[in-house]
């Protein structure tokens, strides 16, 4: 797809509402996906083995040009 931008981000920078790629699927992050920093450090859906995740942003054409959302 030409309208998708992918960027590697650190697991600590993941916020609620972001769309990320996790285990080959696109996931919108919710509060349940991000437990507070625990025994193993930061984790996503209980998986603390990955330090980087792929953030997905969509390029949306608007009257002011292309905007990443």
C-alpha atoms as a PDB file:
ATOM      1  CA  UNK A   1       0.000   0.000   0.000  1.00  0.00           C
ATOM      2  CA  UNK A   2       1.376   3.360  -1.004  1.00  0.00           C
ATOM      3  CA  UNK A   3      -0.400   5.331   1.711  1.00  0.00           C
ATOM      4  CA  UNK A   4       1.281   3.622   4.697  1.00  0.00           C
ATOM      5  CA  UNK A   5       4.427   4.949   6.406  1.00  0.00           C
ATOM      6  CA  UNK A   6       6.340   2.602   8.728  1.00  0.00           C
ATOM      7  CA  UNK A   7       8.784   3.775  11.401  1.00  0.00           C
ATOM      8  CA  UNK A   8      10.665   1.858  14.115  1.00  0.00           C
ATOM      9  CA  UNK A   9      10.056   3.261  17.607  1.00  0.00           C
ATOM     10  CA  UNK A  10      11.223   2.219  21.063  1.00  0.00           C
ATOM     11  CA  UNK A  11       8.691   0.292  23.116  1.00  0.00           C
ATOM     12  CA  UNK A  12       8.729   3.036  25.793  1.00  0.00           C
ATOM     13  CA  UNK A  13       7.435   5.569  23.212  1.00  0.00           C
ATOM     14  CA  UNK A  14       4.271   3.623  22.378  1.00  0.00           C
ATOM     15  CA  UNK A  15       1.121   5.533  23.368  1.00  0.00           C
ATOM     16  CA  UNK A  16      -2.597   4.736  23.470  1.00  0.00           C
ATOM     17  CA  UNK A  17      -4.239   5.328  20.083  1.00  0.00           C
ATOM     18  CA  UNK A  18      -1.164   4.550  17.952  1.00  0.00           C
ATOM     19  CA  UNK A  19      -1.350   1.870  15.278  1.00  0.00           C
ATOM     20  CA  UNK A  20       1.580  -0.536  15.399  1.00  0.00           C
ATOM     21  CA  UNK A  21       2.610  -3.760  13.727  1.00  0.00           C
ATOM     22  CA  UNK A  22       2.912  -6.632  16.217  1.00  0.00           C
ATOM     23  CA  UNK A  23       3.540 -10.237  15.190  1.00  0.00           C
ATOM     24  CA  UNK A  24       2.581  -9.532  11.574  1.00  0.00           C
ATOM     25  CA  UNK A  25      -0.717  -7.783  12.280  1.00  0.00           C
ATOM     26  CA  UNK A  26      -1.781  -4.168  12.688  1.00  0.00           C
ATOM     27  CA  UNK A  27      -2.975  -3.324  16.195  1.00  0.00           C
ATOM     28  CA  UNK A  28      -4.417  -0.111  17.613  1.00  0.00           C
ATOM     29  CA  UNK A  29      -2.903   0.355  21.063  1.00  0.00           C
ATOM     30  CA  UNK A  30      -5.297   0.478  24.034  1.00  0.00           C
ATOM     31  CA  UNK A  31      -4.713   0.860  27.774  1.00  0.00           C
ATOM     32  CA  UNK A  32      -4.945  -2.902  28.198  1.00  0.00           C
ATOM     33  CA  UNK A  33      -1.990  -3.433  25.843  1.00  0.00           C
ATOM     34  CA  UNK A  34       0.359  -1.242  27.883  1.00  0.00           C
ATOM     35  CA  UNK A  35       0.861  -2.313  31.472  1.00  0.00           C
ATOM     36  CA  UNK A  36       2.949   0.044  33.565  1.00  0.00           C
ATOM     37  CA  UNK A  37       6.654  -0.625  33.751  1.00  0.00           C
ATOM     38  CA  UNK A  38       6.850  -3.911  35.603  1.00  0.00           C
ATOM     39  CA  UNK A  39       9.310  -6.577  36.584  1.00  0.00           C
ATOM     40  CA  UNK A  40      10.614  -7.078  33.019  1.00  0.00           C
ATOM     41  CA  UNK A  41      10.606  -3.390  32.043  1.00  0.00           C
ATOM     42  CA  UNK A  42       8.318  -2.077  29.326  1.00  0.00           C
ATOM     43  CA  UNK A  43       6.153  -4.600  27.517  1.00  0.00           C
ATOM     44  CA  UNK A  44       3.448  -4.726  24.869  1.00  0.00           C
ATOM     45  CA  UNK A  45       0.699  -7.321  25.349  1.00  0.00           C
ATOM     46  CA  UNK A  46       2.939  -9.028  27.899  1.00  0.00           C
ATOM     47  CA  UNK A  47       5.837  -9.420  25.427  1.00  0.00           C
ATOM     48  CA  UNK A  48       8.923  -7.695  26.866  1.00  0.00           C
ATOM     49  CA  UNK A  49      11.402  -9.365  24.508  1.00  0.00           C
ATOM     50  CA  UNK A  50      11.116  -6.705  21.777  1.00  0.00           C
ATOM     51  CA  UNK A  51      12.652  -3.281  22.340  1.00  0.00           C
ATOM     52  CA  UNK A  52      11.426  -1.815  19.038  1.00  0.00           C
ATOM     53  CA  UNK A  53       8.032  -1.914  17.395  1.00  0.00           C
ATOM     54  CA  UNK A  54       6.943  -0.677  13.974  1.00  0.00           C
ATOM     55  CA  UNK A  55       4.603   2.307  14.068  1.00  0.00           C
ATOM     56  CA  UNK A  56       2.110   2.525  11.221  1.00  0.00           C
ATOM     57  CA  UNK A  57       0.935   5.927   9.993  1.00  0.00           C
ATOM     58  CA  UNK A  58      -1.467   6.552   7.147  1.00  0.00           C
ATOM     59  CA  UNK A  59      -0.792   9.256   4.544  1.00  0.00           C
ATOM     60  CA  UNK A  60      -4.081  11.114   4.079  1.00  0.00           C
ATOM     61  CA  UNK A  61      -4.458  13.700   1.294  1.00  0.00           C
ATOM     62  CA  UNK A  62      -6.075  16.936   2.486  1.00  0.00           C
ATOM     63  CA  UNK A  63      -6.541  20.426   1.095  1.00  0.00           C
ATOM     64  CA  UNK A  64      -3.238  21.394   2.770  1.00  0.00           C
ATOM     65  CA  UNK A  65      -1.239  18.478   1.337  1.00  0.00           C
ATOM     66  CA  UNK A  66      -0.495  14.990   2.644  1.00  0.00           C
ATOM     67  CA  UNK A  67      -0.880  14.509   6.406  1.00  0.00           C
ATOM     68  CA  UNK A  68       0.352  11.500   8.399  1.00  0.00           C
ATOM     69  CA  UNK A  69      -2.240  10.174  10.843  1.00  0.00           C
END
